[in-house]
Amino acid sequence: LLEMHDFAKGTSSRSTKLVHGGVRYLQQGDV
């Protein structure tokens, strides 16, 4: 595996810190 910067430097360290099904996706019908 080759990463140009550091592991999780981009989007992956900047989340809402939730491991979730996604209530909003249920609202949108993406069951």
Full PDB file with SEQRES, HELIX, SHEET, SSBOND, CRYST1, ORIGX, SCALE, CONECT and MASTER records, all heavy atoms in Angstrom:
SEQRES   1 A   31  LEU LEU GLU MET HIS ASP PHE ALA LYS GLY THR SER SER          
SEQRES   2 A   31  ARG SER THR LYS LEU VAL HIS GLY GLY VAL ARG TYR LEU          
SEQRES   3 A   31  GLN GLN GLY ASP VAL                                          
HELIX    1 AA1 THR A   11  SER A   13  5                                   3    
HELIX    2 AA2 VAL A   23  GLN A   27  1                                   5    
CRYST1    1.000    1.000    1.000  90.00  90.00  90.00 P 1           1          
ORIGX1      1.000000  0.000000  0.000000        0.00000                         
ORIGX2      0.000000  1.000000  0.000000        0.00000                         
ORIGX3      0.000000  0.000000  1.000000        0.00000                         
SCALE1      1.000000  0.000000  0.000000        0.00000                         
SCALE2      0.000000  1.000000  0.000000        0.00000                         
SCALE3      0.000000  0.000000  1.000000        0.00000                         
ATOM      1  N   LEU A   1       0.848  -1.198   0.000  1.00  0.00           N  
ATOM      2  CA  LEU A   1       0.000   0.000   0.000  1.00  0.00           C  
ATOM      3  C   LEU A   1       0.880   1.243   0.000  1.00  0.00           C  
ATOM      4  O   LEU A   1       1.823   1.351   0.791  1.00  0.00           O  
ATOM      5  CB  LEU A   1      -0.917   0.001   1.224  1.00  0.00           C  
ATOM      6  CG  LEU A   1      -1.844   1.219   1.363  1.00  0.00           C  
ATOM      7  CD1 LEU A   1      -3.204   0.807   1.916  1.00  0.00           C  
ATOM      8  CD2 LEU A   1      -1.252   2.315   2.252  1.00  0.00           C  
ATOM      9  N   LEU A   2       0.573   2.181  -0.885  1.00  0.00           N  
ATOM     10  CA  LEU A   2       1.361   3.416  -1.011  1.00  0.00           C  
ATOM     11  C   LEU A   2       0.464   4.627  -0.766  1.00  0.00           C  
ATOM     12  O   LEU A   2      -0.540   4.821  -1.452  1.00  0.00           O  
ATOM     13  CB  LEU A   2       1.964   3.508  -2.425  1.00  0.00           C  
ATOM     14  CG  LEU A   2       2.824   2.319  -2.871  1.00  0.00           C  
ATOM     15  CD1 LEU A   2       3.196   2.439  -4.340  1.00  0.00           C  
ATOM     16  CD2 LEU A   2       4.085   2.196  -2.001  1.00  0.00           C  
ATOM     17  N   GLU A   3       0.841   5.442   0.224  1.00  0.00           N  
ATOM     18  CA  GLU A   3       0.110   6.666   0.552  1.00  0.00           C  
ATOM     19  C   GLU A   3       1.033   7.856   0.342  1.00  0.00           C  
ATOM     20  O   GLU A   3       2.155   7.860   0.825  1.00  0.00           O  
ATOM     21  CB  GLU A   3      -0.358   6.596   2.013  1.00  0.00           C  
ATOM     22  CG  GLU A   3      -0.726   7.925   2.655  1.00  0.00           C  
ATOM     23  CD  GLU A   3      -1.800   8.707   1.915  1.00  0.00           C  
ATOM     24  OE1 GLU A   3      -2.821   8.115   1.508  1.00  0.00           O  
ATOM     25  OE2 GLU A   3      -1.606   9.926   1.730  1.00  0.00           O  
ATOM     26  N   MET A   4       0.573   8.868  -0.404  1.00  0.00           N  
ATOM     27  CA  MET A   4       1.474   9.980  -0.770  1.00  0.00           C  
ATOM     28  C   MET A   4       1.808  10.887   0.409  1.00  0.00           C  
ATOM     29  O   MET A   4       2.822  11.579   0.402  1.00  0.00           O  
ATOM     30  CB  MET A   4       0.879  10.804  -1.908  1.00  0.00           C  
ATOM     31  CG  MET A   4      -0.337  11.625  -1.544  1.00  0.00           C  
ATOM     32  SD  MET A   4      -0.767  12.720  -2.918  1.00  0.00           S  
ATOM     33  CE  MET A   4      -2.286  13.448  -2.298  1.00  0.00           C  
ATOM     34  N   HIS A   5       0.946  10.938   1.418  1.00  0.00           N  
ATOM     35  CA  HIS A   5       1.210  11.765   2.590  1.00  0.00           C  
ATOM     36  C   HIS A   5       1.231  10.834   3.799  1.00  0.00           C  
ATOM     37  O   HIS A   5       1.968   9.861   3.813  1.00  0.00           O  
ATOM     38  CB  HIS A   5       0.142  12.872   2.694  1.00  0.00           C  
ATOM     39  CG  HIS A   5       0.570  14.014   3.569  1.00  0.00           C  
ATOM     40  ND1 HIS A   5       0.474  13.954   4.937  1.00  0.00           N  
ATOM     41  CD2 HIS A   5       1.101  15.230   3.273  1.00  0.00           C  
ATOM     42  CE1 HIS A   5       0.930  15.091   5.461  1.00  0.00           C  
ATOM     43  NE2 HIS A   5       1.313  15.887   4.478  1.00  0.00           N  
ATOM     44  N   ASP A   6       0.409  11.114   4.803  1.00  0.00           N  
ATOM     45  CA  ASP A   6       0.333  10.228   5.960  1.00  0.00           C  
ATOM     46  C   ASP A   6      -0.987   9.471   5.912  1.00  0.00           C  
ATOM     47  O   ASP A   6      -1.953   9.925   5.295  1.00  0.00           O  
ATOM     48  CB  ASP A   6       0.414  11.061   7.253  1.00  0.00           C  
ATOM     49  CG  ASP A   6       0.474  10.202   8.504  1.00  0.00           C  
ATOM     50  OD1 ASP A   6       1.009   9.078   8.421  1.00  0.00           O  
ATOM     51  OD2 ASP A   6      -0.011  10.643   9.562  1.00  0.00           O  
ATOM     52  N   PHE A   7      -1.047   8.326   6.576  1.00  0.00           N  
ATOM     53  CA  PHE A   7      -2.281   7.554   6.635  1.00  0.00           C  
ATOM     54  C   PHE A   7      -3.419   8.441   7.155  1.00  0.00           C  
ATOM     55  O   PHE A   7      -3.263   9.143   8.158  1.00  0.00           O  
ATOM     56  CB  PHE A   7      -2.126   6.333   7.559  1.00  0.00           C  
ATOM     57  CG  PHE A   7      -0.982   5.434   7.171  1.00  0.00           C  
ATOM     58  CD1 PHE A   7       0.071   5.195   8.044  1.00  0.00           C  
ATOM     59  CD2 PHE A   7      -0.949   4.831   5.910  1.00  0.00           C  
ATOM     60  CE1 PHE A   7       1.140   4.374   7.683  1.00  0.00           C  
ATOM     61  CE2 PHE A   7       0.107   4.003   5.538  1.00  0.00           C  
ATOM     62  CZ  PHE A   7       1.157   3.776   6.425  1.00  0.00           C  
ATOM     63  N   ALA A   8      -4.554   8.422   6.459  1.00  0.00           N  
ATOM     64  CA  ALA A   8      -5.760   9.176   6.853  1.00  0.00           C  
ATOM     65  C   ALA A   8      -5.544  10.688   6.889  1.00  0.00           C  
ATOM     66  O   ALA A   8      -6.273  11.405   7.555  1.00  0.00           O  
ATOM     67  CB  ALA A   8      -6.288   8.685   8.212  1.00  0.00           C  
ATOM     68  N   LYS A   9      -4.551  11.181   6.149  1.00  0.00           N  
ATOM     69  CA  LYS A   9      -4.302  12.627   6.110  1.00  0.00           C  
ATOM     70  C   LYS A   9      -5.509  13.374   5.538  1.00  0.00           C  
ATOM     71  O   LYS A   9      -5.840  14.477   5.971  1.00  0.00           O  
ATOM     72  CB  LYS A   9      -3.063  12.910   5.251  1.00  0.00           C  
ATOM     73  CG  LYS A   9      -2.928  14.346   4.728  1.00  0.00           C  
ATOM     74  CD  LYS A   9      -2.588  15.337   5.811  1.00  0.00           C  
ATOM     75  CE  LYS A   9      -2.398  16.734   5.208  1.00  0.00           C  
ATOM     76  NZ  LYS A   9      -2.121  17.749   6.216  1.00  0.00           N  
ATOM     77  N   GLY A  10      -6.186  12.775   4.563  1.00  0.00           N  
ATOM     78  CA  GLY A  10      -7.292  13.467   3.902  1.00  0.00           C  
ATOM     79  C   GLY A  10      -8.604  13.315   4.657  1.00  0.00           C  
ATOM     80  O   GLY A  10      -8.684  13.517   5.871  1.00  0.00           O  
ATOM     81  N   THR A  11      -9.626  12.917   3.938  1.00  0.00           N  
ATOM     82  CA  THR A  11     -10.991  12.848   4.464  1.00  0.00           C  
ATOM     83  C   THR A  11     -11.110  11.944   5.694  1.00  0.00           C  
ATOM     84  O   THR A  11     -11.887  12.220   6.605  1.00  0.00           O  
ATOM     85  CB  THR A  11     -11.926  12.302   3.350  1.00  0.00           C  
ATOM     86  OG1 THR A  11     -11.671  13.041   2.154  1.00  0.00           O  
ATOM     87  CG2 THR A  11     -13.376  12.426   3.725  1.00  0.00           C  
ATOM     88  N   SER A  12     -10.329  10.879   5.746  1.00  0.00           N  
ATOM     89  CA  SER A  12     -10.546   9.822   6.746  1.00  0.00           C  
ATOM     90  C   SER A  12     -10.238  10.226   8.181  1.00  0.00           C  
ATOM     91  O   SER A  12     -10.599   9.502   9.111  1.00  0.00           O  
ATOM     92  CB  SER A  12      -9.743   8.573   6.378  1.00  0.00           C  
ATOM     93  OG  SER A  12     -10.159   8.096   5.119  1.00  0.00           O  
ATOM     94  N   SER A  13      -9.566  11.362   8.399  1.00  0.00           N  
ATOM     95  CA  SER A  13      -9.331  11.817   9.781  1.00  0.00           C  
ATOM     96  C   SER A  13     -10.245  12.988  10.136  1.00  0.00           C  
ATOM     97  O   SER A  13     -10.126  13.569  11.205  1.00  0.00           O  
ATOM     98  CB  SER A  13      -7.865  12.237   9.969  1.00  0.00           C  
ATOM     99  OG  SER A  13      -7.536  13.262   9.048  1.00  0.00           O  
ATOM    100  N   ARG A  14     -11.179  13.322   9.225  1.00  0.00           N  
ATOM    101  CA  ARG A  14     -11.971  14.545   9.402  1.00  0.00           C  
ATOM    102  C   ARG A  14     -13.470  14.263   9.448  1.00  0.00           C  
ATOM    103  O   ARG A  14     -14.285  15.092   9.071  1.00  0.00           O  
ATOM    104  CB  ARG A  14     -11.663  15.510   8.251  1.00  0.00           C  
ATOM    105  CG  ARG A  14     -10.172  15.855   8.146  1.00  0.00           C  
ATOM    106  CD  ARG A  14      -9.807  16.338   6.754  1.00  0.00           C  
ATOM    107  NE  ARG A  14      -8.375  16.446   6.569  1.00  0.00           N  
ATOM    108  CZ  ARG A  14      -7.672  17.549   6.774  1.00  0.00           C  
ATOM    109  NH1 ARG A  14      -8.275  18.643   7.159  1.00  0.00           N  
ATOM    110  NH2 ARG A  14      -6.374  17.560   6.588  1.00  0.00           N  
ATOM    111  N   SER A  15     -13.834  13.053   9.870  1.00  0.00           N  
ATOM    112  CA  SER A  15     -15.247  12.639   9.876  1.00  0.00           C  
ATOM    113  C   SER A  15     -15.970  13.162  11.119  1.00  0.00           C  
ATOM    114  O   SER A  15     -15.358  13.797  11.983  1.00  0.00           O  
ATOM    115  CB  SER A  15     -15.321  11.107   9.849  1.00  0.00           C  
ATOM    116  OG  SER A  15     -14.936  10.587  11.114  1.00  0.00           O  
ATOM    117  N   THR A  16     -17.256  12.841  11.219  1.00  0.00           N  
ATOM    118  CA  THR A  16     -18.047  13.208  12.408  1.00  0.00           C  
ATOM    119  C   THR A  16     -17.796  12.197  13.534  1.00  0.00           C  
ATOM    120  O   THR A  16     -18.401  12.285  14.594  1.00  0.00           O  
ATOM    121  CB  THR A  16     -19.553  13.267  12.045  1.00  0.00           C  
ATOM    122  OG1 THR A  16     -19.705  14.001  10.829  1.00  0.00           O  
ATOM    123  CG2 THR A  16     -20.376  13.966  13.102  1.00  0.00           C  
ATOM    124  N   LYS A  17     -16.912  11.248  13.317  1.00  0.00           N  
ATOM    125  CA  LYS A  17     -16.508  10.229  14.306  1.00  0.00           C  
ATOM    126  C   LYS A  17     -17.644   9.262  14.646  1.00  0.00           C  
ATOM    127  O   LYS A  17     -17.704   8.731  15.755  1.00  0.00           O  
ATOM    128  CB  LYS A  17     -15.969  10.864  15.614  1.00  0.00           C  
ATOM    129  CG  LYS A  17     -15.141  12.129  15.453  1.00  0.00           C  
ATOM    130  CD  LYS A  17     -13.935  11.967  14.557  1.00  0.00           C  
ATOM    131  CE  LYS A  17     -13.169  13.273  14.389  1.00  0.00           C  
ATOM    132  NZ  LYS A  17     -12.311  13.280  13.197  1.00  0.00           N  
ATOM    133  N   LEU A  18     -18.526   9.034  13.675  1.00  0.00           N  
ATOM    134  CA  LEU A  18     -19.652   8.124  13.906  1.00  0.00           C  
ATOM    135  C   LEU A  18     -19.533   6.873  13.036  1.00  0.00           C  
ATOM    136  O   LEU A  18     -19.170   6.958  11.873  1.00  0.00           O  
ATOM    137  CB  LEU A  18     -20.979   8.817  13.597  1.00  0.00           C  
ATOM    138  CG  LEU A  18     -21.296  10.073  14.413  1.00  0.00           C  
ATOM    139  CD1 LEU A  18     -22.645  10.639  13.996  1.00  0.00           C  
ATOM    140  CD2 LEU A  18     -21.268   9.780  15.909  1.00  0.00           C  
ATOM    141  N   VAL A  19     -19.837   5.728  13.648  1.00  0.00           N  
ATOM    142  CA  VAL A  19     -19.969   4.474  12.911  1.00  0.00           C  
ATOM    143  C   VAL A  19     -21.465   4.214  12.896  1.00  0.00           C  
ATOM    144  O   VAL A  19     -22.034   3.774  13.893  1.00  0.00           O  
ATOM    145  CB  VAL A  19     -19.224   3.328  13.629  1.00  0.00           C  
ATOM    146  CG1 VAL A  19     -19.422   2.014  12.889  1.00  0.00           C  
ATOM    147  CG2 VAL A  19     -17.741   3.652  13.724  1.00  0.00           C  
ATOM    148  N   HIS A  20     -22.117   4.573  11.799  1.00  0.00           N  
ATOM    149  CA  HIS A  20     -23.581   4.594  11.852  1.00  0.00           C  
ATOM    150  C   HIS A  20     -24.233   4.138  10.552  1.00  0.00           C  
ATOM    151  O   HIS A  20     -23.634   4.179   9.490  1.00  0.00           O  
ATOM    152  CB  HIS A  20     -24.074   6.006  12.225  1.00  0.00           C  
ATOM    153  CG  HIS A  20     -23.689   7.088  11.260  1.00  0.00           C  
ATOM    154  ND1 HIS A  20     -24.524   8.144  10.963  1.00  0.00           N  
ATOM    155  CD2 HIS A  20     -22.569   7.294  10.530  1.00  0.00           C  
ATOM    156  CE1 HIS A  20     -23.924   8.946  10.090  1.00  0.00           C  
ATOM    157  NE2 HIS A  20     -22.753   8.449   9.818  1.00  0.00           N  
ATOM    158  N   GLY A  21     -25.460   3.703  10.700  1.00  0.00           N  
ATOM    159  CA  GLY A  21     -26.235   3.275   9.531  1.00  0.00           C  
ATOM    160  C   GLY A  21     -26.598   4.450   8.660  1.00  0.00           C  
ATOM    161  O   GLY A  21     -26.666   4.329   7.436  1.00  0.00           O  
ATOM    162  N   GLY A  22     -26.822   5.593   9.302  1.00  0.00           N  
ATOM    163  CA  GLY A  22     -27.179   6.795   8.557  1.00  0.00           C  
ATOM    164  C   GLY A  22     -28.681   7.026   8.562  1.00  0.00           C  
ATOM    165  O   GLY A  22     -29.397   6.568   7.680  1.00  0.00           O  
ATOM    166  N   VAL A  23     -29.146   7.723   9.605  1.00  0.00           N  
ATOM    167  CA  VAL A  23     -30.579   8.002   9.728  1.00  0.00           C  
ATOM    168  C   VAL A  23     -31.076   8.778   8.514  1.00  0.00           C  
ATOM    169  O   VAL A  23     -32.170   8.561   8.016  1.00  0.00           O  
ATOM    170  CB  VAL A  23     -30.845   8.784  11.034  1.00  0.00           C  
ATOM    171  CG1 VAL A  23     -32.291   9.273  11.086  1.00  0.00           C  
ATOM    172  CG2 VAL A  23     -30.535   7.910  12.244  1.00  0.00           C  
ATOM    173  N   ARG A  24     -30.230   9.681   8.000  1.00  0.00           N  
ATOM    174  CA  ARG A  24     -30.643  10.505   6.853  1.00  0.00           C  
ATOM    175  C   ARG A  24     -30.889   9.656   5.604  1.00  0.00           C  
ATOM    176  O   ARG A  24     -31.758   9.935   4.795  1.00  0.00           O  
ATOM    177  CB  ARG A  24     -29.568  11.553   6.558  1.00  0.00           C  
ATOM    178  CG  ARG A  24     -29.929  12.491   5.422  1.00  0.00           C  
ATOM    179  CD  ARG A  24     -29.061  13.714   5.486  1.00  0.00           C  
ATOM    180  NE  ARG A  24     -27.663  13.363   5.341  1.00  0.00           N  
ATOM    181  CZ  ARG A  24     -27.043  13.259   4.193  1.00  0.00           C  
ATOM    182  NH1 ARG A  24     -27.709  13.424   3.069  1.00  0.00           N  
ATOM    183  NH2 ARG A  24     -25.759  12.979   4.134  1.00  0.00           N  
ATOM    184  N   TYR A  25     -30.079   8.590   5.445  1.00  0.00           N  
ATOM    185  CA  TYR A  25     -30.249   7.743   4.261  1.00  0.00           C  
ATOM    186  C   TYR A  25     -31.570   6.974   4.349  1.00  0.00           C  
ATOM    187  O   TYR A  25     -32.190   6.671   3.346  1.00  0.00           O  
ATOM    188  CB  TYR A  25     -29.071   6.775   4.103  1.00  0.00           C  
ATOM    189  CG  TYR A  25     -27.724   7.452   4.281  1.00  0.00           C  
ATOM    190  CD1 TYR A  25     -26.715   6.883   5.052  1.00  0.00           C  
ATOM    191  CD2 TYR A  25     -27.481   8.695   3.696  1.00  0.00           C  
ATOM    192  CE1 TYR A  25     -25.507   7.523   5.233  1.00  0.00           C  
ATOM    193  CE2 TYR A  25     -26.266   9.342   3.883  1.00  0.00           C  
ATOM    194  CZ  TYR A  25     -25.285   8.751   4.653  1.00  0.00           C  
ATOM    195  OH  TYR A  25     -24.093   9.390   4.834  1.00  0.00           O  
ATOM    196  N   LEU A  26     -31.987   6.692   5.601  1.00  0.00           N  
ATOM    197  CA  LEU A  26     -33.288   6.050   5.807  1.00  0.00           C  
ATOM    198  C   LEU A  26     -34.388   7.023   5.373  1.00  0.00           C  
ATOM    199  O   LEU A  26     -35.338   6.644   4.692  1.00  0.00           O  
ATOM    200  CB  LEU A  26     -33.445   5.676   7.284  1.00  0.00           C  
ATOM    201  CG  LEU A  26     -34.646   4.806   7.668  1.00  0.00           C  
ATOM    202  CD1 LEU A  26     -34.601   3.478   6.930  1.00  0.00           C  
ATOM    203  CD2 LEU A  26     -34.662   4.565   9.179  1.00  0.00           C  
ATOM    204  N   GLN A  27     -34.208   8.289   5.774  1.00  0.00           N  
ATOM    205  CA  GLN A  27     -35.137   9.361   5.386  1.00  0.00           C  
ATOM    206  C   GLN A  27     -35.256   9.452   3.865  1.00  0.00           C  
ATOM    207  O   GLN A  27     -36.322   9.691   3.320  1.00  0.00           O  
ATOM    208  CB  GLN A  27     -34.573  10.686   5.908  1.00  0.00           C  
ATOM    209  CG  GLN A  27     -35.513  11.506   6.749  1.00  0.00           C  
ATOM    210  CD  GLN A  27     -34.788  12.760   7.249  1.00  0.00           C  
ATOM    211  OE1 GLN A  27     -33.589  12.767   7.471  1.00  0.00           O  
ATOM    212  NE2 GLN A  27     -35.541  13.815   7.420  1.00  0.00           N  
ATOM    213  N   GLN A  28     -34.092   9.271   3.177  1.00  0.00           N  
ATOM    214  CA  GLN A  28     -34.068   9.395   1.709  1.00  0.00           C  
ATOM    215  C   GLN A  28     -34.538   8.112   1.016  1.00  0.00           C  
ATOM    216  O   GLN A  28     -34.613   8.061  -0.206  1.00  0.00           O  
ATOM    217  CB  GLN A  28     -32.643   9.730   1.236  1.00  0.00           C  
ATOM    218  CG  GLN A  28     -32.187  11.124   1.646  1.00  0.00           C  
ATOM    219  CD  GLN A  28     -30.703  11.357   1.336  1.00  0.00           C  
ATOM    220  OE1 GLN A  28     -29.951  10.411   1.088  1.00  0.00           O  
ATOM    221  NE2 GLN A  28     -30.284  12.605   1.363  1.00  0.00           N  
ATOM    222  N   GLY A  29     -34.805   7.076   1.808  1.00  0.00           N  
ATOM    223  CA  GLY A  29     -35.306   5.829   1.226  1.00  0.00           C  
ATOM    224  C   GLY A  29     -34.223   4.885   0.741  1.00  0.00           C  
ATOM    225  O   GLY A  29     -34.500   3.913   0.055  1.00  0.00           O  
ATOM    226  N   ASP A  30     -32.937   5.160   1.118  1.00  0.00           N  
ATOM    227  CA  ASP A  30     -31.826   4.304   0.684  1.00  0.00           C  
ATOM    228  C   ASP A  30     -31.663   3.149   1.686  1.00  0.00           C  
ATOM    229  O   ASP A  30     -30.667   3.049   2.396  1.00  0.00           O  
ATOM    230  CB  ASP A  30     -30.542   5.135   0.576  1.00  0.00           C  
ATOM    231  CG  ASP A  30     -29.472   4.464  -0.287  1.00  0.00           C  
ATOM    232  OD1 ASP A  30     -29.612   3.247  -0.546  1.00  0.00           O  
ATOM    233  OD2 ASP A  30     -28.522   5.139  -0.694  1.00  0.00           O  
ATOM    234  N   VAL A  31     -32.670   2.287   1.734  1.00  0.00           N  
ATOM    235  CA  VAL A  31     -32.734   1.250   2.772  1.00  0.00           C  
ATOM    236  C   VAL A  31     -31.584   0.245   2.654  1.00  0.00           C  
ATOM    237  O   VAL A  31     -31.017  -0.186   3.660  1.00  0.00           O  
ATOM    238  CB  VAL A  31     -34.103   0.523   2.727  1.00  0.00           C  
ATOM    239  CG1 VAL A  31     -34.149  -0.624   3.726  1.00  0.00           C  
ATOM    240  CG2 VAL A  31     -35.216   1.516   3.034  1.00  0.00           C  
TER     241      VAL A  31                                                      
MASTER        0    0    0    2    0    0    0    6  240    1    0    3          
END                                                                             
